[in-house]
Amino acid sequence: MGARIIYKIVHEEEWRAAEALGRFEGSAVDVKDGFIHFSTADQAPETAAKHFTGAADLLLVAVDASALDLKWEVSRGGALFPHLYGDLPLTAVRSVDPLPLCASGEHRFPAMD
């Protein structure tokens, strides 16, 4: 598809474990579904609101989509979402930023590509 950078919203503890392991094998939901869920910049805020409401320990991981063998599959609302069937190599990661909660309870996103 068109996104050069895709995003993974992840709990900080899960990400720190991935850093220690040298790869991200996915969250519990990813493992259950058989693939790692990603979002584009446009999709990420809705993903946070739908699946991570109130979570204060989140990170936003920016990933180079061209470094991965992604499958773009229909998901929420008929939109195509990037899925990775396998582990995420940390070499594909471009940045990791905190995803704090605002006073309104929504997550405050950094600038995204």
C-alpha atoms as a PDB file:
ATOM      1  CA  MET A   1       0.000   0.000   0.000  1.00  0.00           C
ATOM      2  CA  GLY A   2       1.215   3.568   0.336  1.00  0.00           C
ATOM      3  CA  ALA A   3       2.421   4.011   3.918  1.00  0.00           C
ATOM      4  CA  ARG A   4       6.183   4.168   4.284  1.00  0.00           C
ATOM      5  CA  ILE A   5       6.036   4.299   8.075  1.00  0.00           C
ATOM      6  CA  ILE A   6       3.573   2.190  10.059  1.00  0.00           C
ATOM      7  CA  TYR A   7       2.936   2.175  13.789  1.00  0.00           C
ATOM      8  CA  LYS A   8       2.616  -0.318  16.599  1.00  0.00           C
ATOM      9  CA  ILE A   9       1.028   0.731  19.877  1.00  0.00           C
ATOM     10  CA  VAL A  10       2.501  -1.382  22.626  1.00  0.00           C
ATOM     11  CA  HIS A  11       2.714  -1.495  26.405  1.00  0.00           C
ATOM     12  CA  GLU A  12       6.136  -0.360  27.587  1.00  0.00           C
ATOM     13  CA  GLU A  13       6.796  -3.629  29.450  1.00  0.00           C
ATOM     14  CA  GLU A  14       6.189  -5.637  26.266  1.00  0.00           C
ATOM     15  CA  TRP A  15       8.509  -3.394  24.288  1.00  0.00           C
ATOM     16  CA  ARG A  16      11.306  -3.534  26.856  1.00  0.00           C
ATOM     17  CA  ALA A  17      11.085  -7.349  26.744  1.00  0.00           C
ATOM     18  CA  ALA A  18      11.376  -7.193  22.940  1.00  0.00           C
ATOM     19  CA  GLU A  19      14.455  -4.987  23.194  1.00  0.00           C
ATOM     20  CA  ALA A  20      16.057  -7.515  25.540  1.00  0.00           C
ATOM     21  CA  LEU A  21      15.145 -10.364  23.150  1.00  0.00           C
ATOM     22  CA  GLY A  22      16.285  -8.501  20.041  1.00  0.00           C
ATOM     23  CA  ARG A  23      12.924  -8.829  18.259  1.00  0.00           C
ATOM     24  CA  PHE A  24       9.236  -8.199  18.910  1.00  0.00           C
ATOM     25  CA  GLU A  25       7.191 -11.390  18.797  1.00  0.00           C
ATOM     26  CA  GLY A  26       3.918  -9.547  19.321  1.00  0.00           C
ATOM     27  CA  SER A  27       1.557  -8.689  22.133  1.00  0.00           C
ATOM     28  CA  ALA A  28      -0.824 -11.272  23.593  1.00  0.00           C
ATOM     29  CA  VAL A  29      -3.493 -10.208  21.067  1.00  0.00           C
ATOM     30  CA  ASP A  30      -1.003 -10.470  18.197  1.00  0.00           C
ATOM     31  CA  VAL A  31       0.050 -13.965  19.251  1.00  0.00           C
ATOM     32  CA  LYS A  32      -3.606 -15.019  19.571  1.00  0.00           C
ATOM     33  CA  ASP A  33      -4.448 -13.647  16.112  1.00  0.00           C
ATOM     34  CA  GLY A  34      -1.310 -15.091  14.478  1.00  0.00           C
ATOM     35  CA  PHE A  35       0.095 -11.777  13.234  1.00  0.00           C
ATOM     36  CA  ILE A  36       1.363  -8.439  14.518  1.00  0.00           C
ATOM     37  CA  HIS A  37      -1.194  -5.650  14.138  1.00  0.00           C
ATOM     38  CA  PHE A  38       0.020  -2.293  12.833  1.00  0.00           C
ATOM     39  CA  SER A  39      -1.725   0.955  11.928  1.00  0.00           C
ATOM     40  CA  THR A  40      -0.989   3.775   9.533  1.00  0.00           C
ATOM     41  CA  ALA A  41      -0.610   7.306  10.892  1.00  0.00           C
ATOM     42  CA  ASP A  42      -4.271   7.989  10.079  1.00  0.00           C
ATOM     43  CA  GLN A  43      -5.446   4.785  11.771  1.00  0.00           C
ATOM     44  CA  ALA A  44      -3.345   4.926  14.950  1.00  0.00           C
ATOM     45  CA  PRO A  45      -5.481   7.382  16.982  1.00  0.00           C
ATOM     46  CA  GLU A  46      -8.608   5.294  16.429  1.00  0.00           C
ATOM     47  CA  THR A  47      -6.669   2.131  17.290  1.00  0.00           C
ATOM     48  CA  ALA A  48      -5.564   3.726  20.562  1.00  0.00           C
ATOM     49  CA  ALA A  49      -9.106   4.836  21.394  1.00  0.00           C
ATOM     50  CA  LYS A  50     -10.619   1.446  20.548  1.00  0.00           C
ATOM     51  CA  HIS A  51      -8.074  -0.914  22.087  1.00  0.00           C
ATOM     52  CA  PHE A  52      -6.031   1.082  24.637  1.00  0.00           C
ATOM     53  CA  THR A  53      -8.496   3.409  26.387  1.00  0.00           C
ATOM     54  CA  GLY A  54      -7.047   4.658  29.675  1.00  0.00           C
ATOM     55  CA  ALA A  55      -3.694   2.859  29.284  1.00  0.00           C
ATOM     56  CA  ALA A  56      -0.937   5.138  30.542  1.00  0.00           C
ATOM     57  CA  ASP A  57       2.060   2.885  29.886  1.00  0.00           C
ATOM     58  CA  LEU A  58       2.059   2.931  26.099  1.00  0.00           C
ATOM     59  CA  LEU A  59       4.721   3.495  23.479  1.00  0.00           C
ATOM     60  CA  LEU A  60       4.291   4.334  19.825  1.00  0.00           C
ATOM     61  CA  VAL A  61       6.752   2.354  17.715  1.00  0.00           C
ATOM     62  CA  ALA A  62       7.387   3.718  14.211  1.00  0.00           C
ATOM     63  CA  VAL A  63       8.420   1.029  11.748  1.00  0.00           C
ATOM     64  CA  ASP A  64       9.798   1.172   8.202  1.00  0.00           C
ATOM     65  CA  ALA A  65       7.131  -0.675   6.227  1.00  0.00           C
ATOM     66  CA  SER A  66       9.487  -1.283   3.300  1.00  0.00           C
ATOM     67  CA  ALA A  67      11.680  -3.445   5.542  1.00  0.00           C
ATOM     68  CA  LEU A  68       8.853  -5.926   6.160  1.00  0.00           C
ATOM     69  CA  ASP A  69       6.835  -8.459   4.204  1.00  0.00           C
ATOM     70  CA  LEU A  70       3.429  -7.060   5.140  1.00  0.00           C
ATOM     71  CA  LYS A  71      -0.032  -8.195   4.217  1.00  0.00           C
ATOM     72  CA  TRP A  72      -2.567  -5.372   3.941  1.00  0.00           C
ATOM     73  CA  GLU A  73      -5.860  -6.861   5.067  1.00  0.00           C
ATOM     74  CA  VAL A  74      -9.389  -5.592   5.551  1.00  0.00           C
ATOM     75  CA  SER A  75     -10.206  -4.819   9.159  1.00  0.00           C
ATOM     76  CA  ARG A  76     -12.102  -2.133  11.061  1.00  0.00           C
ATOM     77  CA  GLY A  77     -14.639  -0.357   8.878  1.00  0.00           C
ATOM     78  CA  GLY A  78     -13.389  -2.089   5.745  1.00  0.00           C
ATOM     79  CA  ALA A  79     -10.038  -0.270   5.861  1.00  0.00           C
ATOM     80  CA  LEU A  80      -6.805  -2.034   4.950  1.00  0.00           C
ATOM     81  CA  PHE A  81      -4.448  -2.510   7.886  1.00  0.00           C
ATOM     82  CA  PRO A  82      -0.827  -3.705   7.755  1.00  0.00           C
ATOM     83  CA  HIS A  83      -0.236  -7.113   9.336  1.00  0.00           C
ATOM     84  CA  LEU A  84       3.069  -8.906   9.833  1.00  0.00           C
ATOM     85  CA  TYR A  85       3.030 -12.697   9.921  1.00  0.00           C
ATOM     86  CA  GLY A  86       6.248 -13.204  11.858  1.00  0.00           C
ATOM     87  CA  ASP A  87       8.466 -11.383  14.296  1.00  0.00           C
ATOM     88  CA  LEU A  88       9.289  -7.700  13.986  1.00  0.00           C
ATOM     89  CA  PRO A  89      13.058  -7.254  13.642  1.00  0.00           C
ATOM     90  CA  LEU A  90      14.212  -4.280  15.677  1.00  0.00           C
ATOM     91  CA  THR A  91      16.308  -3.135  12.703  1.00  0.00           C
ATOM     92  CA  ALA A  92      13.042  -2.022  11.046  1.00  0.00           C
ATOM     93  CA  VAL A  93      12.186   0.291  13.960  1.00  0.00           C
ATOM     94  CA  ARG A  94      12.721   3.986  13.260  1.00  0.00           C
ATOM     95  CA  SER A  95      11.626   5.476  16.592  1.00  0.00           C
ATOM     96  CA  VAL A  96       9.954   4.676  19.883  1.00  0.00           C
ATOM     97  CA  ASP A  97       8.017   7.471  21.586  1.00  0.00           C
ATOM     98  CA  PRO A  98       5.887   7.667  24.723  1.00  0.00           C
ATOM     99  CA  LEU A  99       2.136   7.800  24.107  1.00  0.00           C
ATOM    100  CA  PRO A 100       0.901   9.709  27.165  1.00  0.00           C
ATOM    101  CA  LEU A 101      -2.666  10.345  28.200  1.00  0.00           C
ATOM    102  CA  CYS A 102      -4.014  13.894  28.064  1.00  0.00           C
ATOM    103  CA  ALA A 103      -6.253  15.273  30.794  1.00  0.00           C
ATOM    104  CA  SER A 104      -9.188  14.442  28.507  1.00  0.00           C
ATOM    105  CA  GLY A 105      -8.216  10.750  28.624  1.00  0.00           C
ATOM    106  CA  GLU A 106      -7.151  10.610  24.974  1.00  0.00           C
ATOM    107  CA  HIS A 107      -3.622   9.694  23.972  1.00  0.00           C
ATOM    108  CA  ARG A 108      -1.357  12.487  22.785  1.00  0.00           C
ATOM    109  CA  PHE A 109       0.447  11.406  19.640  1.00  0.00           C
ATOM    110  CA  PRO A 110       3.805  12.763  18.502  1.00  0.00           C
ATOM    111  CA  ALA A 111       4.177  13.975  14.927  1.00  0.00           C
ATOM    112  CA  MET A 112       3.778  11.039  12.566  1.00  0.00           C
ATOM    113  CA  ASP A 113       4.808  10.568   8.926  1.00  0.00           C
END
